[in-house]
């Protein structure tokens, strides 16, 4: 499965996803028998509902159908489209990921130091978190990928 096809599919889907108001967080094109499986991960502030998945699925299908009429990546290959939101195990690497997880408990390295704390703020420059009653701030350059911690209440 060439990364060429993946790049071609991303060039078609990224604008379609953005146009309906979502962020394309991941795209994977794999072979599943005679078909291709196109997995699309999308997110937005406030999270993704089933209605959102339907809106994005429709936009992606339409964009792929339009590209196929001009000999797109699936003009002669059947495909299955799967749209979902990233799971909680997705690493927090972009400012928007951190912003969407304000209030959640995360584990992250600040420099070399492992820290677990609650995200209290996220800006364009970095984040603030509260760990063991102490407020800490870090720029995105200092942060490793964060991981949301599952809390049982």
N, C-alpha and C. Protein backbone atom coordinates (compact mmCIF):
# COMPACT_ATOMS: atom_id res chain seq x y z
N UNK A 1 0.86 -1.18 0.00
CA UNK A 1 0.00 0.00 0.00
C UNK A 1 0.89 1.22 0.00
N UNK A 2 1.00 1.89 -1.11
CA UNK A 2 1.94 3.00 -1.23
C UNK A 2 1.54 4.20 -0.39
N UNK A 3 2.55 4.87 0.11
CA UNK A 3 2.30 6.11 0.84
C UNK A 3 1.85 7.17 -0.18
N UNK A 4 2.10 6.87 -1.46
CA UNK A 4 1.66 7.75 -2.54
C UNK A 4 0.13 7.82 -2.54
N UNK A 5 -0.52 6.65 -2.47
CA UNK A 5 -1.98 6.63 -2.45
C UNK A 5 -2.50 7.32 -1.19
N UNK A 6 -1.84 7.05 -0.08
CA UNK A 6 -2.24 7.69 1.18
C UNK A 6 -2.19 9.21 1.05
N UNK A 7 -1.11 9.73 0.47
CA UNK A 7 -0.96 11.18 0.30
C UNK A 7 -2.04 11.72 -0.64
N UNK A 8 -2.36 10.94 -1.67
CA UNK A 8 -3.39 11.35 -2.64
C UNK A 8 -4.75 11.43 -1.94
N UNK A 9 -5.04 10.43 -1.10
CA UNK A 9 -6.32 10.39 -0.37
C UNK A 9 -6.37 11.55 0.63
N UNK A 10 -5.26 11.81 1.30
CA UNK A 10 -5.22 12.91 2.27
C UNK A 10 -5.47 14.25 1.58
N UNK A 11 -4.90 14.42 0.39
CA UNK A 11 -5.09 15.67 -0.36
C UNK A 11 -6.56 15.88 -0.73
N UNK A 12 -7.29 14.79 -0.89
CA UNK A 12 -8.73 14.88 -1.21
C UNK A 12 -9.56 15.10 0.06
N UNK A 13 -9.23 14.36 1.13
CA UNK A 13 -10.07 14.38 2.33
C UNK A 13 -9.80 15.55 3.28
N UNK A 14 -8.55 15.98 3.42
CA UNK A 14 -8.24 17.05 4.38
C UNK A 14 -9.08 18.31 4.12
N UNK A 15 -9.17 18.79 2.85
CA UNK A 15 -10.00 19.98 2.61
C UNK A 15 -11.49 19.71 2.84
N UNK A 16 -11.95 18.51 2.52
CA UNK A 16 -13.37 18.16 2.71
C UNK A 16 -13.72 18.16 4.19
N UNK A 17 -12.83 17.61 5.02
CA UNK A 17 -13.05 17.55 6.47
C UNK A 17 -13.02 18.96 7.06
N UNK A 18 -12.04 19.77 6.63
CA UNK A 18 -11.91 21.14 7.13
C UNK A 18 -13.13 21.98 6.74
N UNK A 19 -13.62 21.76 5.53
CA UNK A 19 -14.76 22.53 5.01
C UNK A 19 -16.01 22.35 5.88
N UNK A 20 -16.21 21.15 6.43
CA UNK A 20 -17.37 20.93 7.30
C UNK A 20 -17.05 21.23 8.78
N UNK A 21 -15.83 21.73 9.05
CA UNK A 21 -15.52 22.25 10.38
C UNK A 21 -14.81 21.32 11.35
N UNK A 22 -14.06 20.35 10.84
CA UNK A 22 -13.38 19.39 11.72
C UNK A 22 -11.89 19.36 11.42
N UNK A 23 -11.12 18.76 12.33
CA UNK A 23 -9.68 18.57 12.12
C UNK A 23 -9.44 17.11 11.74
N UNK A 24 -8.69 16.90 10.66
CA UNK A 24 -8.29 15.55 10.28
C UNK A 24 -7.12 15.18 11.17
N UNK A 25 -7.32 14.22 12.08
CA UNK A 25 -6.28 13.86 13.05
C UNK A 25 -5.50 12.62 12.62
N UNK A 26 -6.03 11.89 11.66
CA UNK A 26 -5.33 10.70 11.23
C UNK A 26 -6.00 10.12 10.02
N UNK A 27 -5.21 9.45 9.19
CA UNK A 27 -5.75 8.82 7.99
C UNK A 27 -4.91 7.59 7.72
N UNK A 28 -5.58 6.48 7.46
CA UNK A 28 -4.87 5.24 7.18
C UNK A 28 -5.59 4.55 6.03
N UNK A 29 -4.85 4.16 5.01
CA UNK A 29 -5.41 3.42 3.89
C UNK A 29 -4.73 2.05 3.88
N UNK A 30 -5.52 0.99 4.08
CA UNK A 30 -4.96 -0.36 4.11
C UNK A 30 -5.76 -1.28 3.20
N UNK A 31 -5.14 -2.39 2.82
CA UNK A 31 -5.81 -3.36 1.97
C UNK A 31 -6.58 -4.33 2.86
N UNK A 32 -7.83 -4.58 2.50
CA UNK A 32 -8.66 -5.55 3.24
C UNK A 32 -9.31 -6.46 2.20
N UNK A 33 -8.64 -7.55 1.88
CA UNK A 33 -9.13 -8.43 0.80
C UNK A 33 -9.01 -7.70 -0.52
N UNK A 34 -10.10 -7.66 -1.28
CA UNK A 34 -10.08 -6.97 -2.58
C UNK A 34 -10.37 -5.48 -2.43
N UNK A 35 -10.82 -5.10 -1.25
CA UNK A 35 -11.18 -3.69 -1.02
C UNK A 35 -10.05 -2.95 -0.33
N UNK A 36 -10.20 -1.65 -0.31
CA UNK A 36 -9.32 -0.82 0.50
C UNK A 36 -10.13 -0.30 1.68
N UNK A 37 -9.48 -0.21 2.81
CA UNK A 37 -10.13 0.33 4.00
C UNK A 37 -9.53 1.72 4.24
N UNK A 38 -10.39 2.73 4.25
CA UNK A 38 -9.96 4.10 4.50
C UNK A 38 -10.45 4.48 5.89
N UNK A 39 -9.51 4.59 6.83
CA UNK A 39 -9.85 4.97 8.21
C UNK A 39 -9.53 6.44 8.39
N UNK A 40 -10.53 7.21 8.81
CA UNK A 40 -10.37 8.65 9.00
C UNK A 40 -10.65 8.97 10.46
N UNK A 41 -9.70 9.65 11.11
CA UNK A 41 -9.88 10.09 12.49
C UNK A 41 -10.09 11.60 12.48
N UNK A 42 -11.19 12.06 13.06
CA UNK A 42 -11.48 13.49 13.11
C UNK A 42 -11.79 13.92 14.53
N UNK A 43 -11.59 15.20 14.79
CA UNK A 43 -11.88 15.74 16.11
C UNK A 43 -12.26 17.20 15.94
N UNK A 44 -12.84 17.76 16.99
CA UNK A 44 -13.12 19.19 17.03
C UNK A 44 -13.25 19.59 18.48
N UNK A 45 -13.22 20.88 18.75
CA UNK A 45 -13.40 21.35 20.12
C UNK A 45 -14.76 20.84 20.60
N UNK A 46 -14.80 20.33 21.83
CA UNK A 46 -16.06 19.82 22.37
C UNK A 46 -16.28 18.35 22.06
N UNK A 47 -15.40 17.75 21.25
CA UNK A 47 -15.50 16.32 20.96
C UNK A 47 -16.42 16.00 19.79
N UNK A 48 -16.52 14.73 19.49
CA UNK A 48 -17.23 14.24 18.31
C UNK A 48 -18.44 13.40 18.73
N UNK A 49 -19.59 13.69 18.12
CA UNK A 49 -20.80 12.90 18.37
C UNK A 49 -21.07 12.00 17.17
N UNK A 50 -22.06 11.14 17.28
CA UNK A 50 -22.44 10.29 16.15
C UNK A 50 -22.93 11.14 14.98
N UNK A 51 -23.61 12.24 15.28
CA UNK A 51 -24.06 13.15 14.21
C UNK A 51 -22.86 13.73 13.46
N UNK A 52 -21.81 14.07 14.21
CA UNK A 52 -20.59 14.60 13.59
C UNK A 52 -19.97 13.56 12.66
N UNK A 53 -19.92 12.31 13.12
CA UNK A 53 -19.37 11.23 12.32
C UNK A 53 -20.15 11.11 11.01
N UNK A 54 -21.47 11.22 11.08
CA UNK A 54 -22.31 11.14 9.88
C UNK A 54 -22.01 12.28 8.92
N UNK A 55 -21.86 13.50 9.44
CA UNK A 55 -21.56 14.67 8.61
C UNK A 55 -20.22 14.48 7.90
N UNK A 56 -19.21 14.04 8.65
CA UNK A 56 -17.88 13.85 8.07
C UNK A 56 -17.88 12.71 7.06
N UNK A 57 -18.58 11.61 7.38
CA UNK A 57 -18.66 10.47 6.45
C UNK A 57 -19.23 10.91 5.12
N UNK A 58 -20.32 11.68 5.19
CA UNK A 58 -20.98 12.16 3.96
C UNK A 58 -20.02 13.06 3.16
N UNK A 59 -19.33 13.97 3.84
CA UNK A 59 -18.40 14.89 3.17
C UNK A 59 -17.24 14.12 2.53
N UNK A 60 -16.72 13.10 3.24
CA UNK A 60 -15.61 12.31 2.71
C UNK A 60 -16.06 11.48 1.50
N UNK A 61 -17.22 10.84 1.62
CA UNK A 61 -17.75 10.03 0.51
C UNK A 61 -17.93 10.89 -0.74
N UNK A 62 -18.50 12.07 -0.54
CA UNK A 62 -18.75 12.98 -1.66
C UNK A 62 -17.43 13.39 -2.32
N UNK A 63 -16.43 13.74 -1.50
CA UNK A 63 -15.13 14.17 -2.02
C UNK A 63 -14.46 13.03 -2.79
N UNK A 64 -14.54 11.80 -2.26
CA UNK A 64 -13.92 10.66 -2.94
C UNK A 64 -14.66 10.33 -4.23
N UNK A 65 -16.01 10.41 -4.20
CA UNK A 65 -16.79 10.16 -5.42
C UNK A 65 -16.45 11.18 -6.51
N UNK A 66 -16.33 12.45 -6.11
CA UNK A 66 -16.00 13.49 -7.08
C UNK A 66 -14.61 13.26 -7.67
N UNK A 67 -13.66 12.82 -6.83
CA UNK A 67 -12.30 12.58 -7.33
C UNK A 67 -12.28 11.36 -8.26
N UNK A 68 -13.16 10.40 -8.00
CA UNK A 68 -13.20 9.19 -8.84
C UNK A 68 -13.69 9.49 -10.24
N UNK A 69 -14.53 10.49 -10.37
CA UNK A 69 -15.04 10.83 -11.70
C UNK A 69 -13.92 11.39 -12.58
N UNK A 70 -12.81 11.78 -11.93
CA UNK A 70 -11.66 12.27 -12.71
C UNK A 70 -10.47 11.30 -12.54
N UNK A 71 -10.79 10.02 -12.31
CA UNK A 71 -9.73 9.00 -12.19
C UNK A 71 -8.98 9.06 -10.88
N UNK A 72 -9.69 9.30 -9.78
CA UNK A 72 -9.07 9.39 -8.45
C UNK A 72 -8.54 8.06 -7.96
N UNK A 73 -8.08 8.02 -6.71
CA UNK A 73 -7.41 6.82 -6.17
C UNK A 73 -8.28 5.58 -6.10
N UNK A 74 -9.61 5.75 -6.11
CA UNK A 74 -10.49 4.58 -5.99
C UNK A 74 -11.38 4.41 -7.21
N UNK A 75 -10.97 5.00 -8.34
CA UNK A 75 -11.79 4.92 -9.55
C UNK A 75 -12.06 3.46 -9.93
N UNK A 76 -11.07 2.58 -9.70
CA UNK A 76 -11.27 1.18 -10.09
C UNK A 76 -11.07 0.22 -8.93
N UNK A 77 -11.13 0.73 -7.70
CA UNK A 77 -10.95 -0.12 -6.52
C UNK A 77 -12.07 0.15 -5.52
N UNK A 78 -12.84 -0.90 -5.13
CA UNK A 78 -13.86 -0.66 -4.11
C UNK A 78 -13.20 -0.35 -2.76
N UNK A 79 -13.86 0.49 -1.97
CA UNK A 79 -13.29 0.84 -0.67
C UNK A 79 -14.38 0.90 0.38
N UNK A 80 -13.95 0.79 1.64
CA UNK A 80 -14.82 0.96 2.79
C UNK A 80 -14.30 2.17 3.55
N UNK A 81 -15.20 3.07 3.90
CA UNK A 81 -14.82 4.28 4.63
C UNK A 81 -15.23 4.12 6.08
N UNK A 82 -14.30 4.37 6.99
CA UNK A 82 -14.56 4.28 8.43
C UNK A 82 -14.18 5.62 9.06
N UNK A 83 -15.13 6.29 9.67
CA UNK A 83 -14.84 7.58 10.31
C UNK A 83 -15.05 7.44 11.82
N UNK A 84 -14.08 7.90 12.60
CA UNK A 84 -14.23 7.87 14.06
C UNK A 84 -13.40 9.00 14.67
N UNK A 85 -13.49 9.11 16.00
CA UNK A 85 -12.69 10.11 16.70
C UNK A 85 -11.51 9.37 17.33
N UNK A 86 -10.41 10.10 17.58
CA UNK A 86 -9.26 9.45 18.21
C UNK A 86 -9.63 8.98 19.61
N UNK A 87 -9.12 7.86 20.02
CA UNK A 87 -9.39 7.35 21.36
C UNK A 87 -8.60 8.11 22.41
N UNK A 88 -8.88 7.83 23.67
CA UNK A 88 -8.17 8.52 24.75
C UNK A 88 -6.70 8.15 24.78
N UNK A 89 -6.32 7.06 24.09
CA UNK A 89 -4.92 6.67 24.12
C UNK A 89 -4.07 7.42 23.09
N UNK A 90 -4.73 8.28 22.29
CA UNK A 90 -3.97 9.07 21.31
C UNK A 90 -3.07 10.05 22.07
N UNK A 91 -1.79 10.13 21.72
CA UNK A 91 -0.91 11.07 22.43
C UNK A 91 -1.29 12.52 22.13
N UNK A 92 -1.16 13.38 23.14
CA UNK A 92 -1.43 14.81 22.98
C UNK A 92 -0.15 15.45 22.46
N UNK A 93 -0.17 15.90 21.21
CA UNK A 93 1.05 16.44 20.60
C UNK A 93 0.85 17.85 20.03
N UNK A 94 -0.38 18.24 19.77
CA UNK A 94 -0.66 19.55 19.17
C UNK A 94 -1.33 20.45 20.20
N UNK A 95 -1.15 21.78 20.07
CA UNK A 95 -1.84 22.68 21.01
C UNK A 95 -3.34 22.40 21.10
N UNK A 96 -4.00 22.08 19.97
CA UNK A 96 -5.45 21.83 20.03
C UNK A 96 -5.77 20.57 20.84
N UNK A 97 -4.86 19.57 20.84
CA UNK A 97 -5.09 18.37 21.65
C UNK A 97 -5.10 18.73 23.13
N UNK A 98 -4.13 19.57 23.53
CA UNK A 98 -4.05 19.98 24.93
C UNK A 98 -5.27 20.81 25.31
N UNK A 99 -5.66 21.75 24.43
CA UNK A 99 -6.81 22.62 24.70
C UNK A 99 -8.07 21.78 24.91
N UNK A 100 -8.24 20.74 24.12
CA UNK A 100 -9.43 19.90 24.22
C UNK A 100 -9.44 19.02 25.46
N UNK A 101 -8.31 18.98 26.17
CA UNK A 101 -8.23 18.12 27.35
C UNK A 101 -8.03 18.91 28.64
N UNK A 102 -8.39 20.20 28.60
CA UNK A 102 -8.35 21.01 29.83
C UNK A 102 -9.31 20.36 30.83
N UNK A 103 -8.84 20.21 32.07
CA UNK A 103 -9.67 19.59 33.11
C UNK A 103 -9.37 18.12 33.29
N UNK A 104 -8.65 17.52 32.35
CA UNK A 104 -8.34 16.09 32.45
C UNK A 104 -6.97 15.87 33.10
N UNK A 105 -6.82 14.70 33.67
CA UNK A 105 -5.56 14.28 34.27
C UNK A 105 -4.69 13.70 33.15
N UNK A 106 -3.45 14.18 33.04
CA UNK A 106 -2.55 13.69 32.00
C UNK A 106 -1.18 13.34 32.60
N UNK A 107 -0.51 12.41 31.93
CA UNK A 107 0.88 12.08 32.26
C UNK A 107 1.72 12.61 31.11
N UNK A 108 2.81 13.32 31.45
CA UNK A 108 3.65 13.93 30.41
C UNK A 108 5.06 14.11 30.97
N UNK A 109 6.03 14.17 30.09
CA UNK A 109 7.39 14.53 30.51
C UNK A 109 7.57 16.02 30.25
N UNK A 110 8.01 16.75 31.28
CA UNK A 110 8.42 18.15 31.09
C UNK A 110 9.94 18.07 31.14
N UNK A 111 10.55 18.24 29.99
CA UNK A 111 11.98 17.97 29.88
C UNK A 111 12.18 16.48 30.14
N UNK A 112 13.02 16.15 31.10
CA UNK A 112 13.28 14.74 31.45
C UNK A 112 12.35 14.24 32.56
N UNK A 113 11.65 15.18 33.21
CA UNK A 113 10.88 14.83 34.41
C UNK A 113 9.46 14.34 34.09
N UNK A 114 9.12 13.13 34.53
CA UNK A 114 7.73 12.66 34.35
C UNK A 114 6.80 13.38 35.33
N UNK A 115 5.70 13.91 34.82
CA UNK A 115 4.75 14.65 35.66
C UNK A 115 3.34 14.15 35.36
N UNK A 116 2.55 13.95 36.40
CA UNK A 116 1.13 13.64 36.22
C UNK A 116 0.36 14.76 36.90
N UNK A 117 -0.53 15.40 36.14
CA UNK A 117 -1.28 16.51 36.70
C UNK A 117 -2.50 16.82 35.86
N UNK A 118 -3.31 17.73 36.36
CA UNK A 118 -4.53 18.13 35.66
C UNK A 118 -4.24 19.36 34.81
N UNK A 119 -4.62 19.29 33.53
CA UNK A 119 -4.41 20.43 32.64
C UNK A 119 -5.39 21.53 33.04
N UNK A 120 -4.85 22.72 33.40
CA UNK A 120 -5.72 23.82 33.82
C UNK A 120 -5.86 24.88 32.73
N UNK A 121 -4.89 24.94 31.81
CA UNK A 121 -4.95 25.92 30.73
C UNK A 121 -4.06 25.47 29.58
N UNK A 122 -4.40 25.94 28.38
CA UNK A 122 -3.57 25.67 27.21
C UNK A 122 -3.66 26.89 26.30
N UNK A 123 -2.51 27.38 25.85
CA UNK A 123 -2.47 28.55 24.97
C UNK A 123 -1.71 28.18 23.71
N UNK A 124 -1.40 29.17 22.91
CA UNK A 124 -0.60 28.91 21.71
C UNK A 124 0.85 28.58 22.08
N UNK A 125 1.29 29.01 23.27
CA UNK A 125 2.69 28.82 23.69
C UNK A 125 2.92 27.56 24.49
N UNK A 126 1.94 27.18 25.31
CA UNK A 126 2.16 26.03 26.17
C UNK A 126 0.96 25.74 27.05
N UNK A 127 1.22 24.96 28.09
CA UNK A 127 0.13 24.55 28.98
C UNK A 127 0.46 24.91 30.43
N UNK A 128 -0.60 24.88 31.25
CA UNK A 128 -0.44 24.95 32.70
C UNK A 128 -1.10 23.71 33.24
N UNK A 129 -0.46 23.11 34.24
CA UNK A 129 -1.12 22.00 34.91
C UNK A 129 -0.87 22.06 36.39
N UNK A 130 -1.74 21.39 37.11
CA UNK A 130 -1.63 21.34 38.56
C UNK A 130 -1.26 19.92 38.94
N UNK A 131 -0.09 19.79 39.56
CA UNK A 131 0.41 18.47 39.97
C UNK A 131 0.71 18.54 41.46
N UNK A 132 0.07 17.68 42.23
CA UNK A 132 0.25 17.64 43.69
C UNK A 132 0.07 19.02 44.32
N UNK A 133 -0.97 19.75 43.89
CA UNK A 133 -1.27 21.04 44.48
C UNK A 133 -0.37 22.18 44.01
N UNK A 134 0.57 21.89 43.10
CA UNK A 134 1.48 22.93 42.60
C UNK A 134 1.17 23.21 41.14
N UNK A 135 1.02 24.50 40.81
CA UNK A 135 0.79 24.87 39.41
C UNK A 135 2.12 24.90 38.67
N UNK A 136 2.14 24.24 37.52
CA UNK A 136 3.36 24.23 36.69
C UNK A 136 2.98 24.72 35.30
N UNK A 137 3.90 25.38 34.64
CA UNK A 137 3.65 25.72 33.25
C UNK A 137 4.82 25.22 32.42
N UNK A 138 4.53 24.90 31.16
CA UNK A 138 5.57 24.40 30.26
C UNK A 138 5.22 24.82 28.84
N UNK A 139 6.26 25.10 28.06
CA UNK A 139 6.01 25.41 26.65
C UNK A 139 5.89 24.09 25.89
N UNK A 140 5.29 24.14 24.70
CA UNK A 140 5.14 22.91 23.92
C UNK A 140 6.50 22.29 23.60
N UNK A 141 7.53 23.12 23.44
CA UNK A 141 8.87 22.61 23.14
C UNK A 141 9.42 21.76 24.29
N UNK A 142 8.99 22.07 25.53
CA UNK A 142 9.48 21.32 26.70
C UNK A 142 8.71 20.03 26.92
N UNK A 143 7.53 19.93 26.33
CA UNK A 143 6.65 18.79 26.61
C UNK A 143 6.90 17.61 25.69
N UNK A 144 6.86 16.43 26.28
CA UNK A 144 6.81 15.22 25.47
C UNK A 144 5.34 15.01 25.11
N UNK A 145 5.02 13.92 24.40
CA UNK A 145 3.61 13.65 24.11
C UNK A 145 2.87 13.33 25.42
N UNK A 146 1.72 13.96 25.61
CA UNK A 146 0.94 13.72 26.82
C UNK A 146 0.01 12.54 26.63
N UNK A 147 -0.37 11.93 27.76
CA UNK A 147 -1.31 10.81 27.71
C UNK A 147 -2.40 11.05 28.74
N UNK A 148 -3.65 11.07 28.27
CA UNK A 148 -4.78 11.24 29.18
C UNK A 148 -4.86 10.02 30.10
N UNK A 149 -5.06 10.26 31.38
CA UNK A 149 -5.18 9.18 32.35
C UNK A 149 -6.66 8.90 32.62
N UNK A 150 -7.03 7.64 32.61
CA UNK A 150 -8.42 7.27 32.86
C UNK A 150 -8.69 7.40 34.36
N UNK A 151 -9.74 8.15 34.69
CA UNK A 151 -10.10 8.32 36.11
C UNK A 151 -11.43 7.64 36.38
N UNK A 152 -11.45 6.85 37.42
CA UNK A 152 -12.71 6.22 37.82
C UNK A 152 -13.26 7.02 38.98
N UNK A 153 -14.51 7.48 38.83
CA UNK A 153 -15.05 8.34 39.88
C UNK A 153 -15.99 7.55 40.77
